[in-house]
Amino acid sequence: MLPIEGKESYRWIESSLKSKNILQSASEIIIIQDREGDIYEQFALVPDSKTHLLIRAKTNRIVQEKQKLFEYLGSQPLQGSYEVKVEGDKRRSTTKRTATIEVRFSTVTIRGNQYIDRNLPRNITLYAIEAKEVGDDIKNPIHWRLLTTKKVEDLQTALLCIEWYTCRWVIEEVFRILKKEGFNIEASELSQPKAIRKLCLMMLETIIKLFIMQIAYSIPEESCPQSCFSAEEIECLEQQIEQLEGKTDKLKNPYTSSDLRRYIWAIARLGGWKGYLSERKPGITTFWMGLQKFTAVMQGWILFRDVSRR
């Protein structure tokens, strides 16, 4: 058997150790990873008094009293529940709903297999959390099982860990735009880490704008259009809105010129969103495609304007 350092999965441990080193001046570090980070050696090597792991469980391991982790966790007493609004998505056959999530948690002891390094502990005590959606006839119900080294002894801490884990989706959205669905940074052919970091920072300027659009479109209050667009871009978008609006009231832009959402609506329509307010709200990828198209439209609009003024 290869040592853990020789396996591809070691990259999760390596990135955790590097993050821990870079953030050593922090008062507390919470490293959050998806199921690929569920590695016994990581729980043994990374955590310390101020560094904690929060990882979605992948392996249904044997825990205390020779029970399987998933079944053991599901049999624990209910500690509380909360509700979360879930957006509908026709592509995944999910409907808009308010999900009721039951929360359970317990300490668990996981065991290393016969192939782990002899210098590592044979058993590790962790805290396990289950967040499970309950109800009848639910397609693709929410069901998370989280493992953490942070002490979880009350519902408030369990809910905090669940909230922290949801932050991982923001990182996924950033990666989506950085990679093939967006800038395709992997095709940049840059080899120097410093150059890649600089390119990422330049791309993040646009990605932050996309997140501002997404957040602004989800809140009821008006936001200033100038936070995302210049006066010239707003002028161009106003002309685009005339072309993008449909004949029915449902396809009219419902926002005023003092509201950022008026122009985000146009960007989303350019990105392929149908425009119905009853539909699922446009996502980060839709805004990215719309912003790309608008950039091309803006260049043509400026060229036409300058030529027509001669």
Protein backbone atom coordinates (compact mmCIF):
# COMPACT_ATOMS: atom_id res chain seq x y z
CA MET A 1 0.00 0.00 0.00
CA LEU A 2 1.16 3.52 -0.84
CA PRO A 3 1.67 5.90 2.08
CA ILE A 4 -0.93 8.68 2.22
CA GLU A 5 1.67 11.15 0.85
CA GLY A 6 1.84 9.13 -2.37
CA LYS A 7 -1.91 9.11 -3.00
CA GLU A 8 -3.86 11.65 -5.03
CA SER A 9 -6.16 12.25 -2.04
CA TYR A 10 -3.20 13.71 -0.11
CA ARG A 11 -3.84 17.01 -1.88
CA TRP A 12 -6.72 17.64 0.54
CA ILE A 13 -4.45 17.15 3.53
CA GLU A 14 -1.67 19.17 1.92
CA SER A 15 -3.97 22.13 1.22
CA SER A 16 -5.26 21.98 4.80
CA LEU A 17 -1.73 21.99 6.22
CA LYS A 18 -0.72 24.91 3.98
CA SER A 19 -3.83 26.88 4.97
CA LYS A 20 -3.09 26.17 8.61
CA ASN A 21 0.46 27.48 8.19
CA ILE A 22 -0.59 30.64 6.32
CA LEU A 23 -3.34 31.42 8.85
CA GLN A 24 -1.30 30.64 11.97
CA SER A 25 -1.87 34.14 13.36
CA ALA A 26 -5.67 33.62 13.30
CA SER A 27 -7.42 33.02 16.62
CA GLU A 28 -9.37 30.08 15.14
CA ILE A 29 -9.37 28.24 11.80
CA ILE A 30 -12.30 26.24 10.41
CA ILE A 31 -11.37 24.18 7.33
CA ILE A 32 -14.51 23.17 5.41
CA GLN A 33 -14.43 20.43 2.77
CA ASP A 34 -16.81 18.26 0.78
CA ARG A 35 -16.93 14.45 0.92
CA GLU A 36 -13.59 14.07 -0.85
CA GLY A 37 -11.93 15.44 2.28
CA ASP A 38 -13.32 12.63 4.44
CA ILE A 39 -9.91 11.00 5.00
CA TYR A 40 -8.91 9.36 8.27
CA GLU A 41 -5.33 10.65 8.07
CA GLN A 42 -6.57 14.22 7.72
CA PHE A 43 -8.45 14.03 11.03
CA ALA A 44 -5.22 12.73 12.59
CA LEU A 45 -2.75 15.21 11.05
CA VAL A 46 -4.48 18.59 10.67
CA PRO A 47 -6.48 19.58 13.78
CA ASP A 48 -4.95 21.25 16.82
CA SER A 49 -6.19 23.46 19.65
CA LYS A 50 -7.31 26.24 17.26
CA THR A 51 -7.63 24.44 13.90
CA HIS A 52 -10.81 22.48 13.22
CA LEU A 53 -12.10 20.39 10.34
CA LEU A 54 -15.72 20.44 9.16
CA ILE A 55 -16.22 17.80 6.47
CA ARG A 56 -19.23 16.15 4.90
CA ALA A 57 -19.07 12.43 5.64
CA LYS A 58 -18.52 10.13 2.68
CA THR A 59 -17.67 6.81 4.31
CA ASN A 60 -20.21 4.92 6.39
CA ARG A 61 -17.57 3.86 8.89
CA ILE A 62 -17.84 1.53 11.83
CA VAL A 63 -18.15 3.58 15.03
CA GLN A 64 -18.68 2.66 18.66
CA GLU A 65 -20.40 -0.65 19.48
CA LYS A 66 -19.70 -1.79 15.90
CA GLN A 67 -22.52 0.30 14.46
CA LYS A 68 -22.33 2.04 11.09
CA LEU A 69 -21.91 5.82 11.30
CA PHE A 70 -24.98 6.78 9.24
CA GLU A 71 -27.36 4.43 11.04
CA TYR A 72 -25.95 5.36 14.47
CA LEU A 73 -26.30 9.09 13.79
CA GLY A 74 -29.86 8.67 12.49
CA SER A 75 -30.84 6.83 15.66
CA GLN A 76 -29.78 9.66 17.98
CA PRO A 77 -32.47 11.74 19.73
CA LEU A 78 -33.85 14.75 17.89
CA GLN A 79 -32.17 17.93 19.17
CA GLY A 80 -34.18 20.49 17.24
CA SER A 81 -35.30 21.61 13.78
CA TYR A 82 -35.30 24.64 11.53
CA GLU A 83 -36.84 25.71 8.24
CA VAL A 84 -35.14 26.79 5.03
CA LYS A 85 -36.60 28.02 1.74
CA VAL A 86 -35.62 25.91 -1.26
CA GLU A 87 -35.82 27.39 -4.75
CA GLY A 88 -37.54 25.30 -7.43
CA ASP A 89 -35.51 23.95 -10.33
CA LYS A 90 -37.25 22.33 -13.30
CA ARG A 91 -33.97 20.83 -14.51
CA ARG A 92 -33.74 18.77 -11.33
CA SER A 93 -37.49 18.22 -11.00
CA THR A 94 -37.55 20.07 -7.67
CA THR A 95 -40.35 22.38 -6.61
CA LYS A 96 -40.17 25.55 -4.56
CA ARG A 97 -40.80 24.65 -0.94
CA THR A 98 -40.10 25.42 2.68
CA ALA A 99 -38.03 22.50 3.97
CA THR A 100 -38.16 21.36 7.58
CA ILE A 101 -34.73 20.13 8.68
CA GLU A 102 -34.29 17.91 11.73
CA VAL A 103 -30.95 18.10 13.55
CA ARG A 104 -29.19 15.33 15.47
CA PHE A 105 -25.65 15.18 16.76
CA SER A 106 -23.38 12.94 18.82
CA THR A 107 -19.76 12.19 19.59
CA VAL A 108 -18.38 9.31 17.53
CA THR A 109 -15.13 7.38 17.54
CA ILE A 110 -13.78 6.41 14.12
CA ARG A 111 -11.11 3.78 13.65
CA GLY A 112 -8.19 3.64 11.27
CA ASN A 113 -7.78 0.63 9.03
CA GLN A 114 -4.82 -1.72 8.99
CA TYR A 115 -3.00 0.30 6.31
CA ILE A 116 -2.63 3.62 8.12
CA ASP A 117 0.75 4.82 9.37
CA ARG A 118 1.65 3.19 12.67
CA ASN A 119 2.59 6.58 14.09
CA LEU A 120 -1.00 7.80 13.76
CA PRO A 121 -3.62 7.19 16.45
CA ARG A 122 -5.73 4.06 15.95
CA ASN A 123 -8.93 5.83 17.06
CA ILE A 124 -10.11 9.42 16.75
CA THR A 125 -13.07 10.99 18.57
CA LEU A 126 -15.12 13.43 16.48
CA TYR A 127 -18.49 15.14 16.58
CA ALA A 128 -21.08 14.08 14.00
CA ILE A 129 -24.07 16.19 12.91
CA GLU A 130 -27.04 15.12 10.81
CA ALA A 131 -29.29 17.67 9.03
CA LYS A 132 -32.18 15.76 7.44
CA GLU A 133 -35.22 17.09 5.62
CA VAL A 134 -38.47 15.47 6.70
CA GLY A 135 -41.81 15.24 4.90
CA ASP A 136 -43.72 13.15 2.40
CA ASP A 137 -43.08 12.76 -1.34
CA ILE A 138 -39.96 14.96 -1.45
CA LYS A 139 -37.66 14.46 -4.41
CA ASN A 140 -33.96 14.87 -3.61
CA PRO A 141 -34.47 15.76 0.09
CA ILE A 142 -31.69 17.60 1.92
CA HIS A 143 -29.59 15.18 3.94
CA TRP A 144 -26.17 16.17 5.25
CA ARG A 145 -23.94 14.26 7.61
CA LEU A 146 -21.05 16.34 8.86
CA LEU A 147 -17.94 15.35 10.81
CA THR A 148 -16.09 17.97 12.80
CA THR A 149 -13.34 18.25 15.36
CA LYS A 150 -15.08 21.27 16.90
CA LYS A 151 -16.91 20.42 20.09
CA VAL A 152 -20.66 20.16 19.45
CA GLU A 153 -22.62 19.82 22.69
CA ASP A 154 -25.69 21.96 22.01
CA LEU A 155 -28.10 22.78 19.19
CA GLN A 156 -26.72 26.30 18.71
CA THR A 157 -23.23 25.00 17.89
CA ALA A 158 -24.66 22.30 15.60
CA LEU A 159 -26.66 24.92 13.68
CA LEU A 160 -23.57 27.13 13.44
CA CYS A 161 -21.59 24.24 11.90
CA ILE A 162 -24.39 23.62 9.39
CA GLU A 163 -24.38 27.32 8.49
CA TRP A 164 -20.61 27.26 8.04
CA TYR A 165 -20.88 24.30 5.72
CA THR A 166 -23.36 26.17 3.49
CA CYS A 167 -20.61 28.76 2.89
CA ARG A 168 -18.84 26.12 0.80
CA TRP A 169 -21.38 26.72 -1.98
CA VAL A 170 -20.08 30.27 -2.40
CA ILE A 171 -16.61 28.85 -3.05
CA GLU A 172 -18.11 26.42 -5.58
CA GLU A 173 -19.68 29.35 -7.42
CA VAL A 174 -16.33 31.15 -7.54
CA PHE A 175 -14.61 28.03 -8.91
CA ARG A 176 -17.34 27.60 -11.51
CA ILE A 177 -16.65 31.04 -12.96
CA LEU A 178 -12.86 30.65 -12.71
CA LYS A 179 -12.95 27.30 -14.52
CA LYS A 180 -14.52 26.01 -17.75
CA GLU A 181 -17.95 27.56 -17.30
CA GLY A 182 -16.33 30.97 -17.01
CA PHE A 183 -12.81 32.29 -17.53
CA ASN A 184 -11.35 28.80 -18.14
CA ILE A 185 -8.25 29.67 -16.12
CA GLU A 186 -6.92 26.14 -16.59
CA ALA A 187 -6.34 26.95 -20.27
CA SER A 188 -4.27 30.08 -19.48
CA GLU A 189 -0.95 28.17 -19.92
CA LEU A 190 0.59 30.16 -17.08
CA SER A 191 3.18 28.16 -15.14
CA GLN A 192 4.36 30.58 -12.44
CA PRO A 193 2.26 30.60 -9.24
CA LYS A 194 2.70 34.37 -8.90
CA ALA A 195 1.29 34.96 -12.39
CA ILE A 196 -1.67 32.65 -11.73
CA ARG A 197 -2.45 34.49 -8.48
CA LYS A 198 -2.40 37.85 -10.29
CA LEU A 199 -4.71 36.52 -13.00
CA CYS A 200 -7.09 35.15 -10.36
CA LEU A 201 -7.22 38.51 -8.60
CA MET A 202 -8.07 40.25 -11.88
CA MET A 203 -10.84 37.74 -12.52
CA LEU A 204 -12.16 38.13 -8.97
CA GLU A 205 -13.02 41.75 -9.72
CA THR A 206 -15.62 40.53 -12.21
CA ILE A 207 -16.71 37.65 -9.97
CA ILE A 208 -17.38 40.08 -7.09
CA LYS A 209 -19.56 42.12 -9.45
CA LEU A 210 -21.49 38.96 -10.32
CA PHE A 211 -22.10 38.24 -6.63
CA ILE A 212 -23.26 41.83 -6.09
CA MET A 213 -25.77 41.29 -8.89
CA GLN A 214 -26.98 38.01 -7.42
CA ILE A 215 -27.36 39.45 -3.91
CA ALA A 216 -28.99 42.68 -5.09
CA TYR A 217 -31.55 40.76 -7.14
CA SER A 218 -32.56 38.72 -4.08
CA ILE A 219 -33.16 41.57 -1.61
CA PRO A 220 -36.36 43.66 -1.48
CA GLU A 221 -34.63 47.03 -1.03
CA GLU A 222 -33.45 49.18 -3.90
CA SER A 223 -29.71 49.25 -4.62
CA CYS A 224 -27.74 51.95 -6.39
CA PRO A 225 -27.14 51.10 -10.10
CA GLN A 226 -23.76 52.86 -9.99
CA SER A 227 -22.42 50.11 -7.68
CA CYS A 228 -22.09 47.88 -10.76
CA PHE A 229 -22.47 50.02 -13.87
CA SER A 230 -21.13 53.30 -15.20
CA ALA A 231 -23.46 56.02 -16.49
CA GLU A 232 -22.54 55.03 -20.06
CA GLU A 233 -23.32 51.37 -19.40
CA ILE A 234 -26.68 52.30 -17.84
CA GLU A 235 -27.55 54.33 -20.94
CA CYS A 236 -26.77 51.34 -23.15
CA LEU A 237 -28.71 48.96 -20.89
CA GLU A 238 -31.79 51.20 -21.07
CA GLN A 239 -31.82 50.69 -24.83
CA GLN A 240 -31.31 46.96 -24.33
CA ILE A 241 -34.28 46.80 -21.98
CA GLU A 242 -36.54 48.13 -24.73
CA GLN A 243 -35.45 45.22 -26.92
CA LEU A 244 -35.61 42.59 -24.18
CA GLU A 245 -39.07 43.37 -22.83
CA GLY A 246 -41.95 41.25 -24.09
CA LYS A 247 -45.44 42.36 -25.07
CA THR A 248 -47.16 41.10 -21.92
CA ASP A 249 -46.91 42.67 -18.47
CA LYS A 250 -45.21 39.53 -17.14
CA LEU A 251 -42.28 40.14 -19.49
CA LYS A 252 -41.90 43.84 -18.69
CA ASN A 253 -39.03 45.04 -16.54
CA PRO A 254 -40.75 45.78 -13.18
CA TYR A 255 -38.03 47.99 -11.67
CA THR A 256 -37.33 51.73 -11.75
CA SER A 257 -34.21 53.44 -13.08
CA SER A 258 -33.03 54.14 -9.51
CA ASP A 259 -32.90 50.40 -8.75
CA LEU A 260 -29.90 48.22 -9.63
CA ARG A 261 -32.28 45.31 -10.22
CA ARG A 262 -33.59 47.03 -13.36
CA TYR A 263 -30.22 46.55 -15.04
CA ILE A 264 -29.49 43.17 -13.48
CA TRP A 265 -32.78 42.04 -15.03
CA ALA A 266 -31.37 43.04 -18.44
CA ILE A 267 -28.09 41.20 -17.81
CA ALA A 268 -30.00 38.06 -16.80
CA ARG A 269 -32.18 38.25 -19.93
CA LEU A 270 -29.04 38.55 -22.07
CA GLY A 271 -27.73 35.46 -20.26
CA GLY A 272 -30.74 33.38 -21.28
CA TRP A 273 -33.14 33.90 -18.37
CA LYS A 274 -36.75 33.94 -19.53
CA GLY A 275 -37.76 36.96 -17.48
CA TYR A 276 -40.75 35.57 -15.61
CA LEU A 277 -40.65 36.54 -11.94
CA SER A 278 -42.37 33.24 -11.13
CA GLU A 279 -39.37 31.37 -12.56
CA ARG A 280 -36.28 30.39 -10.58
CA LYS A 281 -34.10 33.43 -9.93
CA PRO A 282 -31.13 33.78 -12.28
CA GLY A 283 -27.92 32.25 -10.97
CA ILE A 284 -24.29 33.26 -11.10
CA THR A 285 -23.66 31.41 -14.40
CA THR A 286 -26.59 33.19 -16.07
CA PHE A 287 -25.22 36.55 -14.95
CA TRP A 288 -21.77 35.58 -16.24
CA MET A 289 -23.11 34.72 -19.71
CA GLY A 290 -25.21 37.88 -19.74
CA LEU A 291 -22.26 40.04 -18.72
CA GLN A 292 -20.14 38.53 -21.50
CA LYS A 293 -22.82 39.29 -24.08
CA PHE A 294 -23.33 42.78 -22.69
CA THR A 295 -19.58 43.49 -22.97
CA ALA A 296 -19.79 42.74 -26.70
CA VAL A 297 -22.98 44.79 -27.03
CA MET A 298 -21.35 47.70 -25.21
CA GLN A 299 -18.35 47.70 -27.53
CA GLY A 300 -20.63 47.81 -30.58
CA TRP A 301 -22.80 50.50 -29.01
CA ILE A 302 -19.78 52.74 -28.30
CA LEU A 303 -18.44 52.21 -31.83
CA PHE A 304 -21.81 53.09 -33.38
CA ARG A 305 -22.21 56.14 -31.15
CA ASP A 306 -18.74 57.49 -31.93
CA VAL A 307 -19.08 56.93 -35.67
CA SER A 308 -22.55 58.49 -35.81
CA ARG A 309 -21.27 61.64 -34.14
CA ARG A 310 -18.59 62.36 -36.76
